[in-house]
Amino acid sequence: MKVAMRRTVLVAVICFAVALVVSVAFLVWFNADPDTNITAILSSLPLSYLYAISSGLAAFSVGALVALVPGSLAHLRMPNLPRVIFAALGWVVLGFLLLAPVIATLANNSAAIVFALVVYAAIKVPVVFAAFGLLLGLGFAERRDAQQ
């Protein structure tokens, strides 16, 4: 049995799998000894960034992979409008997740508060991001024509 994925889906699967592995590795490292590792996180900008996004990114990646892999293997087809809406919502939320720590620290107005809430949600309630990852994964579905 030959399994063929479109190139864009394959690249997305690889990217989300790598993001998941990096996020989970960071979370395992941090939770091994949080009291000691928090000092390393506070003194390192890249580790602080990973701390802010790792939970949300792991959940987002799981959601995306749950939709991408089975959807691709089953040749999931959707009308164009829902695909575009799902993909747009997923990309916007992923952008918010990845840029939120930077904007929350650089902005000094109400935008900082909004992005700080995104960071807080990524740390405390990452399952919200899994839903948007699922939507992004559904956005990669094959296009169904109006005749079908």
Protein backbone atom coordinates (compact mmCIF):
# COMPACT_ATOMS: atom_id res chain seq x y z
CA MET A 1 0.00 0.00 0.00
CA LYS A 2 1.48 3.29 -1.10
CA VAL A 3 0.75 6.29 1.11
CA ALA A 4 1.18 9.61 -0.63
CA MET A 5 0.80 13.00 1.01
CA ARG A 6 0.83 16.31 -0.75
CA ARG A 7 4.13 18.11 -0.30
CA THR A 8 2.57 20.97 1.69
CA VAL A 9 0.90 18.54 4.07
CA LEU A 10 4.13 16.59 4.50
CA VAL A 11 6.07 19.78 5.28
CA ALA A 12 3.38 20.84 7.77
CA VAL A 13 3.46 17.42 9.46
CA ILE A 14 7.26 17.60 9.78
CA CYS A 15 7.19 21.16 11.13
CA PHE A 16 4.50 20.42 13.71
CA ALA A 17 6.21 17.18 14.73
CA VAL A 18 9.49 19.04 15.29
CA ALA A 19 7.66 21.77 17.25
CA LEU A 20 5.99 19.10 19.37
CA VAL A 21 9.26 17.30 20.11
CA VAL A 22 11.07 20.53 21.05
CA SER A 23 8.19 21.70 23.24
CA VAL A 24 7.81 18.37 25.02
CA ALA A 25 11.59 18.10 25.54
CA PHE A 26 11.62 21.56 27.11
CA LEU A 27 8.63 20.75 29.33
CA VAL A 28 10.22 17.50 30.49
CA TRP A 29 13.48 19.32 31.26
CA PHE A 30 11.69 22.09 33.15
CA ASN A 31 9.43 19.79 35.15
CA ALA A 32 12.33 17.53 36.15
CA ASP A 33 13.48 20.19 38.65
CA PRO A 34 11.41 23.38 38.35
CA ASP A 35 12.97 25.12 41.33
CA THR A 36 16.48 24.89 39.90
CA ASN A 37 15.52 25.34 36.26
CA ILE A 38 13.51 28.52 36.84
CA THR A 39 16.73 30.37 37.60
CA ALA A 40 18.17 29.26 34.26
CA ILE A 41 14.96 30.34 32.53
CA LEU A 42 14.97 33.76 34.15
CA SER A 43 18.57 34.40 33.08
CA SER A 44 18.15 33.27 29.45
CA LEU A 45 15.98 35.00 26.87
CA PRO A 46 15.56 31.92 24.61
CA LEU A 47 14.61 29.73 27.58
CA SER A 48 12.14 32.38 28.77
CA TYR A 49 10.58 32.41 25.31
CA LEU A 50 10.33 28.60 25.32
CA TYR A 51 8.78 28.71 28.78
CA ALA A 52 6.12 31.12 27.52
CA ILE A 53 5.15 29.20 24.39
CA SER A 54 6.04 25.54 24.95
CA SER A 55 2.75 24.39 26.52
CA GLY A 56 0.59 26.19 23.99
CA LEU A 57 2.78 25.17 21.05
CA ALA A 58 2.76 21.52 22.12
CA ALA A 59 -1.04 21.54 22.34
CA PHE A 60 -1.36 23.40 19.03
CA SER A 61 0.97 20.92 17.34
CA VAL A 62 -0.96 17.94 18.67
CA GLY A 63 -4.22 19.42 17.41
CA ALA A 64 -2.73 20.12 13.99
CA LEU A 65 -1.21 16.64 13.72
CA VAL A 66 -4.49 15.01 14.78
CA ALA A 67 -6.20 16.69 11.82
CA LEU A 68 -3.35 16.56 9.31
CA VAL A 69 -2.28 12.92 9.41
CA PRO A 70 -5.67 11.14 9.43
CA GLY A 71 -7.15 13.79 7.12
CA SER A 72 -4.39 13.29 4.61
CA LEU A 73 -4.47 9.52 4.78
CA ALA A 74 -8.26 9.46 4.40
CA HIS A 75 -8.15 12.14 1.66
CA LEU A 76 -10.48 14.42 3.60
CA ARG A 77 -12.26 16.82 1.26
CA MET A 78 -13.94 20.07 2.30
CA PRO A 79 -15.55 23.00 0.48
CA ASN A 80 -13.22 25.91 -0.12
CA LEU A 81 -14.82 28.47 2.23
CA PRO A 82 -14.54 26.39 5.45
CA ARG A 83 -10.97 25.39 4.51
CA VAL A 84 -9.97 29.04 4.12
CA ILE A 85 -11.69 30.11 7.34
CA PHE A 86 -10.16 27.25 9.35
CA ALA A 87 -6.70 27.89 7.94
CA ALA A 88 -6.95 31.64 8.59
CA LEU A 89 -8.07 31.13 12.20
CA GLY A 90 -5.31 28.61 12.79
CA TRP A 91 -2.55 30.76 11.29
CA VAL A 92 -3.70 33.88 13.17
CA VAL A 93 -3.76 32.07 16.51
CA LEU A 94 -0.38 30.45 15.81
CA GLY A 95 1.03 33.89 15.00
CA PHE A 96 -0.45 35.29 18.20
CA LEU A 97 1.06 32.42 20.16
CA LEU A 98 4.54 32.81 18.67
CA LEU A 99 4.64 36.62 18.80
CA ALA A 100 2.81 37.18 22.10
CA PRO A 101 5.85 36.96 24.41
CA VAL A 102 7.77 39.47 22.30
CA ILE A 103 4.92 41.96 21.90
CA ALA A 104 3.86 41.65 25.55
CA THR A 105 7.33 42.71 26.67
CA LEU A 106 7.87 45.46 24.07
CA ALA A 107 4.45 47.13 24.03
CA ASN A 108 3.43 49.53 26.76
CA ASN A 109 -0.29 49.97 26.23
CA SER A 110 -3.41 47.85 26.07
CA ALA A 111 -1.83 45.69 23.34
CA ALA A 112 0.66 44.49 25.95
CA ILE A 113 -2.21 43.36 28.14
CA VAL A 114 -3.89 41.44 25.30
CA PHE A 115 -0.67 39.66 24.35
CA ALA A 116 0.17 39.01 28.00
CA LEU A 117 -3.20 37.26 28.28
CA VAL A 118 -2.28 35.10 25.27
CA VAL A 119 0.97 34.14 27.02
CA TYR A 120 -0.93 33.40 30.23
CA ALA A 121 -3.43 31.23 28.32
CA ALA A 122 -0.58 29.39 26.59
CA ILE A 123 0.94 28.51 29.96
CA LYS A 124 -2.21 27.83 31.99
CA VAL A 125 -4.80 26.59 29.46
CA PRO A 126 -2.94 25.13 26.47
CA VAL A 127 -5.90 22.97 25.43
CA VAL A 128 -7.47 26.08 23.89
CA PHE A 129 -4.62 26.15 21.39
CA ALA A 130 -5.19 22.48 20.51
CA ALA A 131 -8.59 23.42 19.10
CA PHE A 132 -7.05 26.05 16.85
CA GLY A 133 -4.35 23.61 15.78
CA LEU A 134 -7.11 21.21 14.81
CA LEU A 135 -8.72 23.95 12.74
CA LEU A 136 -5.43 24.69 11.01
CA GLY A 137 -4.99 21.00 10.25
CA LEU A 138 -8.49 20.91 8.73
CA GLY A 139 -7.50 23.89 6.60
CA PHE A 140 -5.05 21.59 4.80
CA ALA A 141 -7.87 19.30 3.63
CA GLU A 142 -8.23 18.69 -0.08
CA ARG A 143 -10.59 20.95 -1.97
CA ARG A 144 -14.01 19.54 -2.76
CA ASP A 145 -15.65 20.87 -5.89
CA ALA A 146 -19.26 22.08 -5.88
CA GLN A 147 -20.36 19.14 -8.06
CA GLN A 148 -19.37 16.49 -5.50
